Amino acid sequence: MRVQEGRQIAEGFEMVNIFPPLLFGAIRSGETTGALDDSFKRLGDYYDCEVKRTVQAMINAVETVTIIFLGAVFGIIVYLFCCHSMM
């Protein structure tokens, strides 16, 4: 199915089947209303926010794991220092 043959762009994206359904709906809506550029702008804004939110969640998770790890290392060092001081 080709756009050059008069098919819709959304149909071409659906055939590839690697894009999320939200993309198909936005493209189809943009084609229907004649505002495809606005649809892509809104999609870009949406996915930009999604990426920022996902990255922030990953940073928060890594930060928590790092704090726990460093606390454990520090605790082991203090424990070993105290044990050797008592001998």
N, C-alpha and C. Protein backbone atom coordinates (compact mmCIF):
# COMPACT_ATOMS: atom_id res chain seq x y z
N MET A 1 0.85 -1.16 0.00
CA MET A 1 0.00 0.00 0.00
C MET A 1 0.90 1.23 0.00
N ARG A 2 0.70 2.11 -0.94
CA ARG A 2 1.60 3.24 -1.09
C ARG A 2 0.83 4.54 -1.08
N VAL A 3 1.43 5.53 -0.46
CA VAL A 3 0.84 6.86 -0.40
C VAL A 3 0.76 7.44 -1.81
N GLN A 4 1.75 7.13 -2.64
CA GLN A 4 1.77 7.63 -4.02
C GLN A 4 0.58 7.12 -4.84
N GLU A 5 0.01 6.02 -4.42
CA GLU A 5 -1.15 5.45 -5.11
C GLU A 5 -2.46 6.02 -4.59
N GLY A 6 -2.38 6.98 -3.70
CA GLY A 6 -3.59 7.62 -3.18
C GLY A 6 -4.05 7.08 -1.84
N ARG A 7 -3.26 6.21 -1.24
CA ARG A 7 -3.61 5.67 0.08
C ARG A 7 -3.31 6.71 1.15
N GLN A 8 -3.90 6.52 2.31
CA GLN A 8 -3.64 7.44 3.42
C GLN A 8 -2.31 7.10 4.07
N ILE A 9 -1.71 8.12 4.66
CA ILE A 9 -0.42 7.93 5.35
C ILE A 9 -0.60 6.98 6.53
N ALA A 10 -1.70 7.10 7.23
CA ALA A 10 -1.96 6.24 8.40
C ALA A 10 -1.94 4.76 8.01
N GLU A 11 -2.46 4.45 6.84
CA GLU A 11 -2.47 3.06 6.39
C GLU A 11 -1.05 2.54 6.19
N GLY A 12 -0.19 3.40 5.67
CA GLY A 12 1.21 3.01 5.49
C GLY A 12 1.90 2.74 6.81
N PHE A 13 1.62 3.59 7.81
CA PHE A 13 2.20 3.38 9.14
C PHE A 13 1.65 2.11 9.78
N GLU A 14 0.37 1.84 9.58
CA GLU A 14 -0.24 0.64 10.16
C GLU A 14 0.36 -0.63 9.56
N MET A 15 0.72 -0.59 8.29
CA MET A 15 1.28 -1.78 7.64
C MET A 15 2.65 -2.13 8.22
N VAL A 16 3.42 -1.13 8.61
CA VAL A 16 4.74 -1.39 9.18
C VAL A 16 4.59 -2.08 10.54
N ASN A 17 3.58 -1.68 11.30
CA ASN A 17 3.21 -2.31 12.57
C ASN A 17 4.30 -2.23 13.64
N ILE A 18 5.04 -1.12 13.69
CA ILE A 18 6.02 -0.93 14.75
C ILE A 18 5.74 0.33 15.56
N PHE A 19 4.70 1.06 15.17
CA PHE A 19 4.37 2.31 15.84
C PHE A 19 3.19 2.10 16.77
N PRO A 20 3.09 2.92 17.83
CA PRO A 20 1.97 2.77 18.77
C PRO A 20 0.65 3.20 18.13
N PRO A 21 -0.46 2.64 18.59
CA PRO A 21 -1.78 2.97 18.04
C PRO A 21 -2.13 4.47 18.15
N LEU A 22 -1.60 5.14 19.15
CA LEU A 22 -1.85 6.57 19.30
C LEU A 22 -1.41 7.33 18.05
N LEU A 23 -0.30 6.91 17.48
CA LEU A 23 0.21 7.55 16.27
C LEU A 23 -0.76 7.39 15.11
N PHE A 24 -1.33 6.21 14.94
CA PHE A 24 -2.27 5.98 13.84
C PHE A 24 -3.48 6.89 13.96
N GLY A 25 -4.02 6.95 15.17
CA GLY A 25 -5.20 7.79 15.39
C GLY A 25 -4.92 9.25 15.12
N ALA A 26 -3.77 9.73 15.56
CA ALA A 26 -3.43 11.13 15.36
C ALA A 26 -3.22 11.43 13.88
N ILE A 27 -2.55 10.53 13.17
CA ILE A 27 -2.33 10.74 11.74
C ILE A 27 -3.65 10.69 10.97
N ARG A 28 -4.46 9.71 11.31
CA ARG A 28 -5.76 9.58 10.63
C ARG A 28 -6.61 10.83 10.87
N SER A 29 -6.60 11.30 12.11
CA SER A 29 -7.36 12.51 12.45
C SER A 29 -6.81 13.72 11.70
N GLY A 30 -5.49 13.83 11.64
CA GLY A 30 -4.87 14.94 10.93
C GLY A 30 -5.17 14.91 9.44
N GLU A 31 -5.19 13.72 8.87
CA GLU A 31 -5.51 13.59 7.44
C GLU A 31 -6.96 13.97 7.18
N THR A 32 -7.84 13.55 8.07
CA THR A 32 -9.26 13.82 7.89
C THR A 32 -9.56 15.31 8.00
N THR A 33 -8.94 15.97 8.97
CA THR A 33 -9.22 17.39 9.20
C THR A 33 -8.35 18.31 8.36
N GLY A 34 -7.32 17.76 7.73
CA GLY A 34 -6.42 18.59 6.95
C GLY A 34 -5.39 19.31 7.79
N ALA A 35 -5.23 18.88 9.01
CA ALA A 35 -4.28 19.52 9.93
C ALA A 35 -3.23 18.51 10.38
N LEU A 36 -2.62 17.85 9.43
CA LEU A 36 -1.63 16.82 9.75
C LEU A 36 -0.44 17.41 10.50
N ASP A 37 -0.04 18.62 10.13
CA ASP A 37 1.09 19.26 10.81
C ASP A 37 0.79 19.50 12.28
N ASP A 38 -0.45 19.91 12.59
CA ASP A 38 -0.83 20.10 13.99
C ASP A 38 -0.84 18.78 14.75
N SER A 39 -1.27 17.72 14.07
CA SER A 39 -1.28 16.40 14.72
C SER A 39 0.13 15.96 15.08
N PHE A 40 1.06 16.16 14.14
CA PHE A 40 2.44 15.79 14.43
C PHE A 40 3.04 16.67 15.52
N LYS A 41 2.67 17.92 15.56
CA LYS A 41 3.16 18.82 16.62
C LYS A 41 2.66 18.34 17.98
N ARG A 42 1.37 18.02 18.07
CA ARG A 42 0.82 17.52 19.34
C ARG A 42 1.46 16.20 19.74
N LEU A 43 1.68 15.30 18.76
CA LEU A 43 2.35 14.04 19.06
C LEU A 43 3.76 14.28 19.57
N GLY A 44 4.47 15.20 18.94
CA GLY A 44 5.82 15.53 19.38
C GLY A 44 5.84 16.06 20.79
N ASP A 45 4.90 16.94 21.10
CA ASP A 45 4.81 17.49 22.46
C ASP A 45 4.49 16.39 23.47
N TYR A 46 3.56 15.51 23.10
CA TYR A 46 3.16 14.42 23.99
C TYR A 46 4.34 13.50 24.28
N TYR A 47 5.03 13.05 23.22
CA TYR A 47 6.14 12.13 23.42
C TYR A 47 7.33 12.80 24.08
N ASP A 48 7.50 14.09 23.87
CA ASP A 48 8.55 14.83 24.56
C ASP A 48 8.31 14.79 26.07
N CYS A 49 7.07 15.02 26.48
CA CYS A 49 6.73 14.94 27.91
C CYS A 49 6.89 13.52 28.44
N GLU A 50 6.49 12.53 27.64
CA GLU A 50 6.62 11.14 28.05
C GLU A 50 8.08 10.76 28.28
N VAL A 51 8.95 11.18 27.38
CA VAL A 51 10.37 10.86 27.52
C VAL A 51 10.94 11.53 28.76
N LYS A 52 10.60 12.79 28.97
CA LYS A 52 11.09 13.49 30.16
C LYS A 52 10.62 12.81 31.44
N ARG A 53 9.36 12.39 31.45
CA ARG A 53 8.82 11.73 32.64
C ARG A 53 9.48 10.38 32.88
N THR A 54 9.70 9.63 31.82
CA THR A 54 10.35 8.32 31.93
C THR A 54 11.79 8.46 32.40
N VAL A 55 12.51 9.41 31.84
CA VAL A 55 13.90 9.63 32.24
C VAL A 55 13.96 10.04 33.71
N GLN A 56 13.05 10.91 34.15
CA GLN A 56 13.03 11.33 35.55
C GLN A 56 12.75 10.15 36.47
N ALA A 57 11.83 9.26 36.07
CA ALA A 57 11.54 8.08 36.87
C ALA A 57 12.76 7.17 36.97
N MET A 58 13.49 7.02 35.87
CA MET A 58 14.70 6.20 35.89
C MET A 58 15.77 6.82 36.77
N ILE A 59 15.92 8.13 36.71
CA ILE A 59 16.89 8.83 37.56
C ILE A 59 16.54 8.63 39.03
N ASN A 60 15.26 8.75 39.36
CA ASN A 60 14.83 8.56 40.75
C ASN A 60 15.13 7.14 41.22
N ALA A 61 14.90 6.15 40.37
CA ALA A 61 15.17 4.76 40.74
C ALA A 61 16.66 4.53 40.95
N VAL A 62 17.48 5.04 40.03
CA VAL A 62 18.93 4.87 40.15
C VAL A 62 19.44 5.59 41.39
N GLU A 63 18.89 6.76 41.67
CA GLU A 63 19.31 7.52 42.85
C GLU A 63 19.03 6.74 44.13
N THR A 64 17.88 6.13 44.20
CA THR A 64 17.51 5.34 45.39
C THR A 64 18.46 4.16 45.56
N VAL A 65 18.71 3.43 44.48
CA VAL A 65 19.60 2.27 44.54
C VAL A 65 21.01 2.71 44.92
N THR A 66 21.46 3.83 44.39
CA THR A 66 22.80 4.33 44.70
C THR A 66 22.93 4.69 46.18
N ILE A 67 21.92 5.34 46.72
CA ILE A 67 21.95 5.72 48.14
C ILE A 67 21.99 4.47 49.02
N ILE A 68 21.19 3.48 48.70
CA ILE A 68 21.18 2.24 49.48
C ILE A 68 22.54 1.54 49.37
N PHE A 69 23.09 1.48 48.18
CA PHE A 69 24.38 0.84 47.97
C PHE A 69 25.48 1.55 48.75
N LEU A 70 25.53 2.87 48.65
CA LEU A 70 26.56 3.63 49.35
C LEU A 70 26.39 3.52 50.87
N GLY A 71 25.15 3.48 51.34
CA GLY A 71 24.91 3.29 52.77
C GLY A 71 25.42 1.94 53.23
N ALA A 72 25.20 0.91 52.41
CA ALA A 72 25.68 -0.42 52.78
C ALA A 72 27.20 -0.46 52.79
N VAL A 73 27.84 0.14 51.80
CA VAL A 73 29.31 0.17 51.75
C VAL A 73 29.86 0.93 52.96
N PHE A 74 29.27 2.07 53.24
CA PHE A 74 29.71 2.86 54.39
C PHE A 74 29.51 2.08 55.69
N GLY A 75 28.39 1.39 55.80
CA GLY A 75 28.12 0.58 56.99
C GLY A 75 29.14 -0.53 57.16
N ILE A 76 29.51 -1.19 56.09
CA ILE A 76 30.51 -2.25 56.15
C ILE A 76 31.86 -1.69 56.57
N ILE A 77 32.22 -0.54 56.00
CA ILE A 77 33.50 0.08 56.35
C ILE A 77 33.54 0.45 57.83
N VAL A 78 32.47 1.04 58.33
CA VAL A 78 32.41 1.41 59.76
C VAL A 78 32.46 0.17 60.63
N TYR A 79 31.72 -0.87 60.25
CA TYR A 79 31.72 -2.11 61.01
C TYR A 79 33.12 -2.72 61.06
N LEU A 80 33.77 -2.80 59.91
CA LEU A 80 35.13 -3.38 59.87
C LEU A 80 36.12 -2.52 60.67
N PHE A 81 35.99 -1.21 60.59
CA PHE A 81 36.87 -0.33 61.35
C PHE A 81 36.67 -0.52 62.85
N CYS A 82 35.43 -0.64 63.27
CA CYS A 82 35.15 -0.84 64.69
C CYS A 82 35.64 -2.20 65.17
N CYS A 83 35.47 -3.23 64.37
CA CYS A 83 35.91 -4.58 64.73
C CYS A 83 37.43 -4.63 64.88
N HIS A 84 38.15 -4.00 63.98
CA HIS A 84 39.60 -4.00 64.05
C HIS A 84 40.12 -3.10 65.17
N SER A 85 39.36 -2.10 65.54
CA SER A 85 39.78 -1.20 66.62
C SER A 85 39.66 -1.92 67.97
N MET A 86 38.75 -2.82 68.11
CA MET A 86 38.52 -3.51 69.37
C MET A 86 39.56 -4.61 69.58
N MET A 87 40.22 -5.05 68.58
CA MET A 87 41.19 -6.14 68.71
C MET A 87 42.48 -5.69 69.25
